[in-house]
Full PDB file with SEQRES, HELIX, SHEET, SSBOND, CRYST1, ORIGX, SCALE, CONECT and MASTER records, all heavy atoms in Angstrom:
SEQRES   1 A   39  GLN TRP HIS PRO GLU TYR ASN ALA ALA ALA ASP PRO VAL          
SEQRES   2 A   39  SER ARG PRO LEU PHE GLN ALA PHE GLY ASN ALA CYS ARG          
SEQRES   3 A   39  ALA TRP ARG ALA GLN ARG MET GLY LEU ARG ARG VAL SER          
HELIX    1 AA1 SER A   14  VAL A   38  1                                  25    
CRYST1    1.000    1.000    1.000  90.00  90.00  90.00 P 1           1          
ORIGX1      1.000000  0.000000  0.000000        0.00000                         
ORIGX2      0.000000  1.000000  0.000000        0.00000                         
ORIGX3      0.000000  0.000000  1.000000        0.00000                         
SCALE1      1.000000  0.000000  0.000000        0.00000                         
SCALE2      0.000000  1.000000  0.000000        0.00000                         
SCALE3      0.000000  0.000000  1.000000        0.00000                         
ATOM      1  N   GLN A   1    -100.696-145.599 -20.704  1.00  0.00           N  
ATOM      2  CA  GLN A   1    -101.342-146.629 -21.491  1.00  0.00           C  
ATOM      3  C   GLN A   1    -100.458-147.863 -21.664  1.00  0.00           C  
ATOM      4  O   GLN A   1    -100.946-148.927 -22.036  1.00  0.00           O  
ATOM      5  CB  GLN A   1    -101.749-146.058 -22.854  1.00  0.00           C  
ATOM      6  CG  GLN A   1    -102.553-146.967 -23.745  1.00  0.00           C  
ATOM      7  CD  GLN A   1    -103.899-147.364 -23.168  1.00  0.00           C  
ATOM      8  OE1 GLN A   1    -104.889-146.700 -23.372  1.00  0.00           O  
ATOM      9  NE2 GLN A   1    -103.938-148.456 -22.414  1.00  0.00           N  
ATOM     10  N   TRP A   2     -99.188-147.746 -21.362  1.00  0.00           N  
ATOM     11  CA  TRP A   2     -98.296-148.900 -21.490  1.00  0.00           C  
ATOM     12  C   TRP A   2     -98.226-149.683 -20.162  1.00  0.00           C  
ATOM     13  O   TRP A   2     -98.990-149.420 -19.232  1.00  0.00           O  
ATOM     14  CB  TRP A   2     -96.919-148.463 -21.973  1.00  0.00           C  
ATOM     15  CG  TRP A   2     -96.084-147.650 -21.029  1.00  0.00           C  
ATOM     16  CD1 TRP A   2     -95.197-148.112 -20.096  1.00  0.00           C  
ATOM     17  CD2 TRP A   2     -96.011-146.207 -20.941  1.00  0.00           C  
ATOM     18  NE1 TRP A   2     -94.586-147.067 -19.442  1.00  0.00           N  
ATOM     19  CE2 TRP A   2     -95.062-145.901 -19.946  1.00  0.00           C  
ATOM     20  CE3 TRP A   2     -96.641-145.165 -21.615  1.00  0.00           C  
ATOM     21  CZ2 TRP A   2     -94.746-144.577 -19.592  1.00  0.00           C  
ATOM     22  CZ3 TRP A   2     -96.331-143.851 -21.270  1.00  0.00           C  
ATOM     23  CH2 TRP A   2     -95.404-143.566 -20.281  1.00  0.00           C  
ATOM     24  N   HIS A   3     -97.321-150.651 -20.082  1.00  0.00           N  
ATOM     25  CA  HIS A   3     -97.203-151.524 -18.908  1.00  0.00           C  
ATOM     26  C   HIS A   3     -95.843-151.317 -18.236  1.00  0.00           C  
ATOM     27  O   HIS A   3     -94.907-152.099 -18.449  1.00  0.00           O  
ATOM     28  CB  HIS A   3     -97.372-152.989 -19.312  1.00  0.00           C  
ATOM     29  CG  HIS A   3     -98.786-153.396 -19.544  1.00  0.00           C  
ATOM     30  ND1 HIS A   3     -99.572-153.967 -18.576  1.00  0.00           N  
ATOM     31  CD2 HIS A   3     -99.563-153.273 -20.647  1.00  0.00           C  
ATOM     32  CE1 HIS A   3    -100.776-154.208 -19.067  1.00  0.00           C  
ATOM     33  NE2 HIS A   3    -100.803-153.799 -20.322  1.00  0.00           N  
ATOM     34  N   PRO A   4     -95.715-150.309 -17.384  1.00  0.00           N  
ATOM     35  CA  PRO A   4     -94.420-150.055 -16.735  1.00  0.00           C  
ATOM     36  C   PRO A   4     -94.102-151.045 -15.628  1.00  0.00           C  
ATOM     37  O   PRO A   4     -92.970-151.054 -15.122  1.00  0.00           O  
ATOM     38  CB  PRO A   4     -94.608-148.643 -16.160  1.00  0.00           C  
ATOM     39  CG  PRO A   4     -96.072-148.562 -15.875  1.00  0.00           C  
ATOM     40  CD  PRO A   4     -96.726-149.328 -16.979  1.00  0.00           C  
ATOM     41  N   GLU A   5     -95.068-151.883 -15.226  1.00  0.00           N  
ATOM     42  CA  GLU A   5     -94.798-152.851 -14.168  1.00  0.00           C  
ATOM     43  C   GLU A   5     -93.805-153.924 -14.612  1.00  0.00           C  
ATOM     44  O   GLU A   5     -93.148-154.555 -13.778  1.00  0.00           O  
ATOM     45  CB  GLU A   5     -96.093-153.502 -13.678  1.00  0.00           C  
ATOM     46  CG  GLU A   5     -96.751-154.491 -14.621  1.00  0.00           C  
ATOM     47  CD  GLU A   5     -97.662-153.856 -15.661  1.00  0.00           C  
ATOM     48  OE1 GLU A   5     -97.582-152.634 -15.876  1.00  0.00           O  
ATOM     49  OE2 GLU A   5     -98.456-154.596 -16.277  1.00  0.00           O  
ATOM     50  N   TYR A   6     -93.675-154.115 -15.941  1.00  0.00           N  
ATOM     51  CA  TYR A   6     -92.721-155.102 -16.440  1.00  0.00           C  
ATOM     52  C   TYR A   6     -91.290-154.603 -16.222  1.00  0.00           C  
ATOM     53  O   TYR A   6     -90.919-153.521 -16.670  1.00  0.00           O  
ATOM     54  CB  TYR A   6     -92.953-155.382 -17.923  1.00  0.00           C  
ATOM     55  CG  TYR A   6     -91.916-156.313 -18.512  1.00  0.00           C  
ATOM     56  CD1 TYR A   6     -91.921-157.675 -18.194  1.00  0.00           C  
ATOM     57  CD2 TYR A   6     -90.924-155.831 -19.358  1.00  0.00           C  
ATOM     58  CE1 TYR A   6     -90.972-158.524 -18.707  1.00  0.00           C  
ATOM     59  CE2 TYR A   6     -89.956-156.685 -19.874  1.00  0.00           C  
ATOM     60  CZ  TYR A   6     -89.987-158.029 -19.551  1.00  0.00           C  
ATOM     61  OH  TYR A   6     -89.022-158.870 -20.057  1.00  0.00           O  
ATOM     62  N   ASN A   7     -90.500-155.384 -15.488  1.00  0.00           N  
ATOM     63  CA  ASN A   7     -89.090-155.049 -15.255  1.00  0.00           C  
ATOM     64  C   ASN A   7     -88.945-153.674 -14.607  1.00  0.00           C  
ATOM     65  O   ASN A   7     -88.004-152.930 -14.897  1.00  0.00           O  
ATOM     66  CB  ASN A   7     -88.317-155.091 -16.582  1.00  0.00           C  
ATOM     67  CG  ASN A   7     -86.822-155.190 -16.386  1.00  0.00           C  
ATOM     68  OD1 ASN A   7     -86.348-155.741 -15.388  1.00  0.00           O  
ATOM     69  ND2 ASN A   7     -86.062-154.651 -17.330  1.00  0.00           N  
ATOM     70  N   ALA A   8     -89.882-153.337 -13.704  1.00  0.00           N  
ATOM     71  CA  ALA A   8     -89.959-151.971 -13.177  1.00  0.00           C  
ATOM     72  C   ALA A   8     -88.705-151.536 -12.435  1.00  0.00           C  
ATOM     73  O   ALA A   8     -88.304-150.372 -12.510  1.00  0.00           O  
ATOM     74  CB  ALA A   8     -91.175-151.841 -12.263  1.00  0.00           C  
ATOM     75  N   ALA A   9     -88.081-152.464 -11.705  1.00  0.00           N  
ATOM     76  CA  ALA A   9     -86.920-152.075 -10.909  1.00  0.00           C  
ATOM     77  C   ALA A   9     -85.722-151.694 -11.761  1.00  0.00           C  
ATOM     78  O   ALA A   9     -84.886-150.883 -11.351  1.00  0.00           O  
ATOM     79  CB  ALA A   9     -86.541-153.217  -9.959  1.00  0.00           C  
ATOM     80  N   ALA A  10     -85.631-152.258 -12.968  1.00  0.00           N  
ATOM     81  CA  ALA A  10     -84.468-152.016 -13.821  1.00  0.00           C  
ATOM     82  C   ALA A  10     -84.729-151.038 -14.949  1.00  0.00           C  
ATOM     83  O   ALA A  10     -83.790-150.455 -15.490  1.00  0.00           O  
ATOM     84  CB  ALA A  10     -83.967-153.339 -14.402  1.00  0.00           C  
ATOM     85  N   ASP A  11     -85.985-150.851 -15.311  1.00  0.00           N  
ATOM     86  CA  ASP A  11     -86.302-150.017 -16.475  1.00  0.00           C  
ATOM     87  C   ASP A  11     -86.196-148.537 -16.112  1.00  0.00           C  
ATOM     88  O   ASP A  11     -86.802-148.078 -15.137  1.00  0.00           O  
ATOM     89  CB  ASP A  11     -87.719-150.331 -16.962  1.00  0.00           C  
ATOM     90  CG  ASP A  11     -88.065-149.547 -18.206  1.00  0.00           C  
ATOM     91  OD1 ASP A  11     -87.552-149.887 -19.285  1.00  0.00           O  
ATOM     92  OD2 ASP A  11     -88.843-148.578 -18.091  1.00  0.00           O  
ATOM     93  N   PRO A  12     -85.455-147.729 -16.899  1.00  0.00           N  
ATOM     94  CA  PRO A  12     -85.250-146.316 -16.559  1.00  0.00           C  
ATOM     95  C   PRO A  12     -86.495-145.452 -16.729  1.00  0.00           C  
ATOM     96  O   PRO A  12     -86.517-144.304 -16.251  1.00  0.00           O  
ATOM     97  CB  PRO A  12     -84.139-145.878 -17.529  1.00  0.00           C  
ATOM     98  CG  PRO A  12     -84.241-146.822 -18.685  1.00  0.00           C  
ATOM     99  CD  PRO A  12     -84.688-148.132 -18.095  1.00  0.00           C  
ATOM    100  N   VAL A  13     -87.518-145.962 -17.413  1.00  0.00           N  
ATOM    101  CA  VAL A  13     -88.783-145.231 -17.538  1.00  0.00           C  
ATOM    102  C   VAL A  13     -89.748-145.642 -16.428  1.00  0.00           C  
ATOM    103  O   VAL A  13     -90.422-144.802 -15.823  1.00  0.00           O  
ATOM    104  CB  VAL A  13     -89.404-145.480 -18.922  1.00  0.00           C  
ATOM    105  CG1 VAL A  13     -90.785-144.845 -19.028  1.00  0.00           C  
ATOM    106  CG2 VAL A  13     -88.487-144.933 -20.016  1.00  0.00           C  
ATOM    107  N   SER A  14     -89.823-146.921 -16.145  1.00  0.00           N  
ATOM    108  CA  SER A  14     -90.732-147.422 -15.112  1.00  0.00           C  
ATOM    109  C   SER A  14     -90.321-146.980 -13.712  1.00  0.00           C  
ATOM    110  O   SER A  14     -91.170-146.619 -12.886  1.00  0.00           O  
ATOM    111  CB  SER A  14     -90.778-148.949 -15.155  1.00  0.00           C  
ATOM    112  OG  SER A  14     -91.185-149.423 -16.414  1.00  0.00           O  
ATOM    113  N   ARG A  15     -89.015-147.024 -13.449  1.00  0.00           N  
ATOM    114  CA  ARG A  15     -88.538-146.773 -12.090  1.00  0.00           C  
ATOM    115  C   ARG A  15     -88.936-145.392 -11.561  1.00  0.00           C  
ATOM    116  O   ARG A  15     -89.499-145.292 -10.453  1.00  0.00           O  
ATOM    117  CB  ARG A  15     -87.019-146.977 -12.022  1.00  0.00           C  
ATOM    118  CG  ARG A  15     -86.477-147.024 -10.599  1.00  0.00           C  
ATOM    119  CD  ARG A  15     -85.018-147.458 -10.570  1.00  0.00           C  
ATOM    120  NE  ARG A  15     -84.171-146.600 -11.385  1.00  0.00           N  
ATOM    121  CZ  ARG A  15     -83.604-146.983 -12.544  1.00  0.00           C  
ATOM    122  NH1 ARG A  15     -83.802-148.202 -13.003  1.00  0.00           N  
ATOM    123  NH2 ARG A  15     -82.841-146.157 -13.224  1.00  0.00           N  
ATOM    124  N   PRO A  16     -88.692-144.292 -12.292  1.00  0.00           N  
ATOM    125  CA  PRO A  16     -89.089-142.992 -11.738  1.00  0.00           C  
ATOM    126  C   PRO A  16     -90.597-142.836 -11.574  1.00  0.00           C  
ATOM    127  O   PRO A  16     -91.052-142.120 -10.668  1.00  0.00           O  
ATOM    128  CB  PRO A  16     -88.522-141.982 -12.743  1.00  0.00           C  
ATOM    129  CG  PRO A  16     -88.246-142.753 -13.985  1.00  0.00           C  
ATOM    130  CD  PRO A  16     -87.943-144.143 -13.551  1.00  0.00           C  
ATOM    131  N   LEU A  17     -91.377-143.514 -12.422  1.00  0.00           N  
ATOM    132  CA  LEU A  17     -92.834-143.430 -12.294  1.00  0.00           C  
ATOM    133  C   LEU A  17     -93.292-144.077 -10.993  1.00  0.00           C  
ATOM    134  O   LEU A  17     -94.070-143.479 -10.225  1.00  0.00           O  
ATOM    135  CB  LEU A  17     -93.492-144.109 -13.496  1.00  0.00           C  
ATOM    136  CG  LEU A  17     -95.028-144.125 -13.508  1.00  0.00           C  
ATOM    137  CD1 LEU A  17     -95.595-142.720 -13.521  1.00  0.00           C  
ATOM    138  CD2 LEU A  17     -95.534-144.922 -14.714  1.00  0.00           C  
ATOM    139  N   PHE A  18     -92.818-145.292 -10.717  1.00  0.00           N  
ATOM    140  CA  PHE A  18     -93.213-145.970  -9.488  1.00  0.00           C  
ATOM    141  C   PHE A  18     -92.595-145.314  -8.252  1.00  0.00           C  
ATOM    142  O   PHE A  18     -93.210-145.292  -7.177  1.00  0.00           O  
ATOM    143  CB  PHE A  18     -92.838-147.449  -9.559  1.00  0.00           C  
ATOM    144  CG  PHE A  18     -93.839-148.282 -10.307  1.00  0.00           C  
ATOM    145  CD1 PHE A  18     -93.572-148.722 -11.598  1.00  0.00           C  
ATOM    146  CD2 PHE A  18     -95.050-148.620  -9.730  1.00  0.00           C  
ATOM    147  CE1 PHE A  18     -94.495-149.491 -12.293  1.00  0.00           C  
ATOM    148  CE2 PHE A  18     -95.981-149.389 -10.418  1.00  0.00           C  
ATOM    149  CZ  PHE A  18     -95.706-149.823 -11.707  1.00  0.00           C  
ATOM    150  N   GLN A  19     -91.387-144.765  -8.378  1.00  0.00           N  
ATOM    151  CA  GLN A  19     -90.793-144.061  -7.243  1.00  0.00           C  
ATOM    152  C   GLN A  19     -91.612-142.830  -6.874  1.00  0.00           C  
ATOM    153  O   GLN A  19     -91.862-142.562  -5.690  1.00  0.00           O  
ATOM    154  CB  GLN A  19     -89.354-143.668  -7.570  1.00  0.00           C  
ATOM    155  CG  GLN A  19     -88.380-144.833  -7.543  1.00  0.00           C  
ATOM    156  CD  GLN A  19     -86.982-144.442  -8.011  1.00  0.00           C  
ATOM    157  OE1 GLN A  19     -86.800-143.479  -8.769  1.00  0.00           O  
ATOM    158  NE2 GLN A  19     -85.982-145.189  -7.572  1.00  0.00           N  
ATOM    159  N   ALA A  20     -92.059-142.080  -7.872  1.00  0.00           N  
ATOM    160  CA  ALA A  20     -92.876-140.898  -7.611  1.00  0.00           C  
ATOM    161  C   ALA A  20     -94.210-141.277  -6.979  1.00  0.00           C  
ATOM    162  O   ALA A  20     -94.692-140.603  -6.056  1.00  0.00           O  
ATOM    163  CB  ALA A  20     -93.107-140.128  -8.910  1.00  0.00           C  
ATOM    164  N   PHE A  21     -94.806-142.372  -7.472  1.00  0.00           N  
ATOM    165  CA  PHE A  21     -96.054-142.847  -6.894  1.00  0.00           C  
ATOM    166  C   PHE A  21     -95.832-143.278  -5.442  1.00  0.00           C  
ATOM    167  O   PHE A  21     -96.623-142.939  -4.548  1.00  0.00           O  
ATOM    168  CB  PHE A  21     -96.589-144.006  -7.734  1.00  0.00           C  
ATOM    169  CG  PHE A  21     -97.811-144.679  -7.180  1.00  0.00           C  
ATOM    170  CD1 PHE A  21     -98.960-143.949  -6.896  1.00  0.00           C  
ATOM    171  CD2 PHE A  21     -97.816-146.049  -6.955  1.00  0.00           C  
ATOM    172  CE1 PHE A  21    -100.099-144.584  -6.385  1.00  0.00           C  
ATOM    173  CE2 PHE A  21     -98.950-146.686  -6.459  1.00  0.00           C  
ATOM    174  CZ  PHE A  21    -100.087-145.950  -6.169  1.00  0.00           C  
ATOM    175  N   GLY A  22     -94.750-144.009  -5.178  1.00  0.00           N  
ATOM    176  CA  GLY A  22     -94.448-144.427  -3.808  1.00  0.00           C  
ATOM    177  C   GLY A  22     -94.227-143.247  -2.883  1.00  0.00           C  
ATOM    178  O   GLY A  22     -94.693-143.246  -1.736  1.00  0.00           O  
ATOM    179  N   ASN A  23     -93.523-142.226  -3.357  1.00  0.00           N  
ATOM    180  CA  ASN A  23     -93.299-141.027  -2.538  1.00  0.00           C  
ATOM    181  C   ASN A  23     -94.614-140.319  -2.220  1.00  0.00           C  
ATOM    182  O   ASN A  23     -94.815-139.811  -1.113  1.00  0.00           O  
ATOM    183  CB  ASN A  23     -92.351-140.073  -3.257  1.00  0.00           C  
ATOM    184  CG  ASN A  23     -90.925-140.593  -3.309  1.00  0.00           C  
ATOM    185  OD1 ASN A  23     -90.532-141.443  -2.501  1.00  0.00           O  
ATOM    186  ND2 ASN A  23     -90.135-140.116  -4.252  1.00  0.00           N  
ATOM    187  N   ALA A  24     -95.524-140.284  -3.203  1.00  0.00           N  
ATOM    188  CA  ALA A  24     -96.826-139.662  -2.970  1.00  0.00           C  
ATOM    189  C   ALA A  24     -97.619-140.447  -1.925  1.00  0.00           C  
ATOM    190  O   ALA A  24     -98.289-139.853  -1.065  1.00  0.00           O  
ATOM    191  CB  ALA A  24     -97.608-139.579  -4.278  1.00  0.00           C  
ATOM    192  N   CYS A  25     -97.544-141.775  -1.988  1.00  0.00           N  
ATOM    193  CA  CYS A  25     -98.237-142.607  -0.997  1.00  0.00           C  
ATOM    194  C   CYS A  25     -97.633-142.416   0.394  1.00  0.00           C  
ATOM    195  O   CYS A  25     -98.349-142.389   1.404  1.00  0.00           O  
ATOM    196  CB  CYS A  25     -98.167-144.076  -1.398  1.00  0.00           C  
ATOM    197  SG  CYS A  25     -99.082-144.472  -2.914  1.00  0.00           S  
ATOM    198  N   ARG A  26     -96.311-142.267   0.462  1.00  0.00           N  
ATOM    199  CA  ARG A  26     -95.644-142.035   1.742  1.00  0.00           C  
ATOM    200  C   ARG A  26     -96.080-140.708   2.349  1.00  0.00           C  
ATOM    201  O   ARG A  26     -96.345-140.607   3.547  1.00  0.00           O  
ATOM    202  CB  ARG A  26     -94.121-142.038   1.537  1.00  0.00           C  
ATOM    203  CG  ARG A  26     -93.395-143.048   2.401  1.00  0.00           C  
ATOM    204  CD  ARG A  26     -91.890-143.066   2.131  1.00  0.00           C  
ATOM    205  NE  ARG A  26     -91.577-143.126   0.714  1.00  0.00           N  
ATOM    206  CZ  ARG A  26     -91.651-144.242  -0.015  1.00  0.00           C  
ATOM    207  NH1 ARG A  26     -92.024-145.370   0.540  1.00  0.00           N  
ATOM    208  NH2 ARG A  26     -91.366-144.227  -1.289  1.00  0.00           N  
ATOM    209  N   ALA A  27     -96.173-139.690   1.483  1.00  0.00           N  
ATOM    210  CA  ALA A  27     -96.598-138.376   1.973  1.00  0.00           C  
ATOM    211  C   ALA A  27     -98.045-138.419   2.465  1.00  0.00           C  
ATOM    212  O   ALA A  27     -98.387-137.806   3.483  1.00  0.00           O  
ATOM    213  CB  ALA A  27     -96.446-137.342   0.859  1.00  0.00           C  
ATOM    214  N   TRP A  28     -98.903-139.160   1.746  1.00  0.00           N  
ATOM    215  CA  TRP A  28    -100.297-139.293   2.162  1.00  0.00           C  
ATOM    216  C   TRP A  28    -100.377-139.999   3.524  1.00  0.00           C  
ATOM    217  O   TRP A  28    -101.125-139.575   4.406  1.00  0.00           O  
ATOM    218  CB  TRP A  28    -101.094-140.055   1.121  1.00  0.00           C  
ATOM    219  CG  TRP A  28    -102.535-140.253   1.515  1.00  0.00           C  
ATOM    220  CD1 TRP A  28    -103.063-141.317   2.193  1.00  0.00           C  
ATOM    221  CD2 TRP A  28    -103.615-139.342   1.296  1.00  0.00           C  
ATOM    222  NE1 TRP A  28    -104.411-141.129   2.393  1.00  0.00           N  
ATOM    223  CE2 TRP A  28    -104.777-139.927   1.853  1.00  0.00           C  
ATOM    224  CE3 TRP A  28    -103.704-138.099   0.657  1.00  0.00           C  
ATOM    225  CZ2 TRP A  28    -106.022-139.309   1.805  1.00  0.00           C  
ATOM    226  CZ3 TRP A  28    -104.954-137.484   0.609  1.00  0.00           C  
ATOM    227  CH2 TRP A  28    -106.090-138.075   1.189  1.00  0.00           C  
ATOM    228  N   ARG A  29     -99.588-141.059   3.675  1.00  0.00           N  
ATOM    229  CA  ARG A  29     -99.612-141.801   4.940  1.00  0.00           C  
ATOM    230  C   ARG A  29     -99.115-140.930   6.093  1.00  0.00           C  
ATOM    231  O   ARG A  29     -99.694-140.944   7.192  1.00  0.00           O  
ATOM    232  CB  ARG A  29     -98.771-143.070   4.837  1.00  0.00           C  
ATOM    233  CG  ARG A  29     -98.785-143.886   6.122  1.00  0.00           C  
ATOM    234  CD  ARG A  29     -98.086-145.219   5.972  1.00  0.00           C  
ATOM    235  NE  ARG A  29     -98.216-145.989   7.201  1.00  0.00           N  
ATOM    236  CZ  ARG A  29     -99.264-146.723   7.520  1.00  0.00           C  
ATOM    237  NH1 ARG A  29    -100.296-146.786   6.699  1.00  0.00           N  
ATOM    238  NH2 ARG A  29     -99.315-147.397   8.656  1.00  0.00           N  
ATOM    239  N   ALA A  30     -98.039-140.176   5.872  1.00  0.00           N  
ATOM    240  CA  ALA A  30     -97.499-139.303   6.923  1.00  0.00           C  
ATOM    241  C   ALA A  30     -98.529-138.269   7.342  1.00  0.00           C  
ATOM    242  O   ALA A  30     -98.697-137.989   8.539  1.00  0.00           O  
ATOM    243  CB  ALA A  30     -96.225-138.622   6.427  1.00  0.00           C  
ATOM    244  N   GLN A  31     -99.223-137.699   6.359  1.00  0.00           N  
ATOM    245  CA  GLN A  31    -100.258-136.717   6.673  1.00  0.00           C  
ATOM    246  C   GLN A  31    -101.400-137.369   7.458  1.00  0.00           C  
ATOM    247  O   GLN A  31    -101.896-136.822   8.443  1.00  0.00           O  
ATOM    248  CB  GLN A  31    -100.806-136.103   5.385  1.00  0.00           C  
ATOM    249  CG  GLN A  31    -101.920-135.087   5.602  1.00  0.00           C  
ATOM    250  CD  GLN A  31    -102.586-134.693   4.290  1.00  0.00           C  
ATOM    251  OE1 GLN A  31    -102.784-135.527   3.406  1.00  0.00           O  
ATOM    252  NE2 GLN A  31    -102.924-133.430   4.157  1.00  0.00           N  
ATOM    253  N   ARG A  32    -101.798-138.561   7.023  1.00  0.00           N  
ATOM    254  CA  ARG A  32    -102.899-139.263   7.679  1.00  0.00           C  
ATOM    255  C   ARG A  32    -102.535-139.633   9.113  1.00  0.00           C  
ATOM    256  O   ARG A  32    -103.328-139.455  10.037  1.00  0.00           O  
ATOM    257  CB  ARG A  32    -103.228-140.526   6.866  1.00  0.00           C  
ATOM    258  CG  ARG A  32    -104.424-141.312   7.355  1.00  0.00           C  
ATOM    259  CD  ARG A  32    -104.968-142.182   6.231  1.00  0.00           C  
ATOM    260  NE  ARG A  32    -104.027-143.188   5.784  1.00  0.00           N  
ATOM    261  CZ  ARG A  32    -104.066-144.476   6.146  1.00  0.00           C  
ATOM    262  NH1 ARG A  32    -104.991-144.887   6.984  1.00  0.00           N  
ATOM    263  NH2 ARG A  32    -103.197-145.343   5.666  1.00  0.00           N  
ATOM    264  N   MET A  33    -101.307-140.142   9.325  1.00  0.00           N  
ATOM    265  CA  MET A  33    -100.878-140.505  10.671  1.00  0.00           C  
ATOM    266  C   MET A  33    -100.753-139.271  11.567  1.00  0.00           C  
ATOM    267  O   MET A  33    -101.078-139.305  12.751  1.00  0.00           O  
ATOM    268  CB  MET A  33     -99.541-141.243  10.616  1.00  0.00           C  
ATOM    269  CG  MET A  33     -99.601-142.607   9.936  1.00  0.00           C  
ATOM    270  SD  MET A  33    -100.683-143.807  10.769  1.00  0.00           S  
ATOM    271  CE  MET A  33    -102.145-143.744   9.710  1.00  0.00           C  
ATOM    272  N   GLY A  34    -100.299-138.160  10.969  1.00  0.00           N  
ATOM    273  CA  GLY A  34    -100.196-136.913  11.742  1.00  0.00           C  
ATOM    274  C   GLY A  34    -101.544-136.421  12.206  1.00  0.00           C  
ATOM    275  O   GLY A  34    -101.707-135.977  13.355  1.00  0.00           O  
ATOM    276  N   LEU A  35    -102.526-136.504  11.341  1.00  0.00           N  
ATOM    277  CA  LEU A  35    -103.880-136.064  11.697  1.00  0.00           C  
ATOM    278  C   LEU A  35    -104.453-136.956  12.786  1.00  0.00           C  
ATOM    279  O   LEU A  35    -105.151-136.486  13.697  1.00  0.00           O  
ATOM    280  CB  LEU A  35    -104.789-136.085  10.473  1.00  0.00           C  
ATOM    281  CG  LEU A  35    -104.501-135.019   9.410  1.00  0.00           C  
ATOM    282  CD1 LEU A  35    -105.380-135.221   8.182  1.00  0.00           C  
ATOM    283  CD2 LEU A  35    -104.737-133.617   9.973  1.00  0.00           C  
ATOM    284  N   ARG A  36    -104.177-138.262  12.720  1.00  0.00           N  
ATOM    285  CA  ARG A  36    -104.679-139.178  13.742  1.00  0.00           C  
ATOM    286  C   ARG A  36    -104.063-138.872  15.114  1.00  0.00           C  
ATOM    287  O   ARG A  36    -104.729-138.916  16.135  1.00  0.00           O  
ATOM    288  CB  ARG A  36    -104.388-140.625  13.355  1.00  0.00           C  
ATOM    289  CG  ARG A  36    -105.313-141.158  12.273  1.00  0.00           C  
ATOM    290  CD  ARG A  36    -105.046-142.614  11.986  1.00  0.00           C  
ATOM    291  NE  ARG A  36    -105.941-143.119  10.971  1.00  0.00           N  
ATOM    292  CZ  ARG A  36    -105.906-144.347  10.474  1.00  0.00           C  
ATOM    293  NH1 ARG A  36    -104.966-145.186  10.898  1.00  0.00           N  
ATOM    294  NH2 ARG A  36    -106.765-144.732   9.560  1.00  0.00           N  
ATOM    295  N   ARG A  37    -102.751-138.537  15.111  1.00  0.00           N  
ATOM    296  CA  ARG A  37    -102.095-138.234  16.393  1.00  0.00           C  
ATOM    297  C   ARG A  37    -102.659-136.958  17.000  1.00  0.00           C  
ATOM    298  O   ARG A  37    -102.850-136.861  18.207  1.00  0.00           O  
ATOM    299  CB  ARG A  37    -100.585-138.111  16.182  1.00  0.00           C  
ATOM    300  CG  ARG A  37     -99.879-139.467  16.052  1.00  0.00           C  
ATOM    301  CD  ARG A  37     -98.370-139.305  16.178  1.00  0.00           C  
ATOM    302  NE  ARG A  37     -97.816-138.595  15.029  1.00  0.00           N  
ATOM    303  CZ  ARG A  37     -97.398-139.188  13.945  1.00  0.00           C  
ATOM    304  NH1 ARG A  37     -97.501-140.496  13.809  1.00  0.00           N  
ATOM    305  NH2 ARG A  37     -96.903-138.479  12.946  1.00  0.00           N  
ATOM    306  N   VAL A  38    -102.928-135.980  16.139  1.00  0.00           N  
ATOM    307  CA  VAL A  38    -103.490-134.708  16.623  1.00  0.00           C  
ATOM    308  C   VAL A  38    -104.871-134.916  17.227  1.00  0.00           C  
ATOM    309  O   VAL A  38    -105.238-134.369  18.265  1.00  0.00           O  
ATOM    310  CB  VAL A  38    -103.539-133.670  15.473  1.00  0.00           C  
ATOM    311  CG1 VAL A  38    -104.362-132.470  15.891  1.00  0.00           C  
ATOM    312  CG2 VAL A  38    -102.138-133.244  15.084  1.00  0.00           C  
ATOM    313  N   SER A  39    -105.683-135.743  16.534  1.00  0.00           N  
ATOM    314  CA  SER A  39    -107.046-135.961  17.013  1.00  0.00           C  
ATOM    315  C   SER A  39    -107.070-136.884  18.245  1.00  0.00           C  
ATOM    316  O   SER A  39    -108.006-136.861  19.022  1.00  0.00           O  
ATOM    317  CB  SER A  39    -107.890-136.561  15.902  1.00  0.00           C  
ATOM    318  OG  SER A  39    -107.368-137.802  15.484  1.00  0.00           O  
TER     319      SER A  39                                                      
MASTER        0    0    0    1    0    0    0    6  318    1    0    3          
END                                                                             
C-alpha cells in the first residue's frame, strides 16, 4: 500500500522488493524463451 518506487535503489525496504520482482520476471522470461526454442 505504500510507495516503494521512491528512492528505490537506495532504500533498504524498496530494494529487496524490486529485486525479487525483477528476479521473478527474469525467471518468467527464461521459461518463455526456453519454451519457444523447444517449439
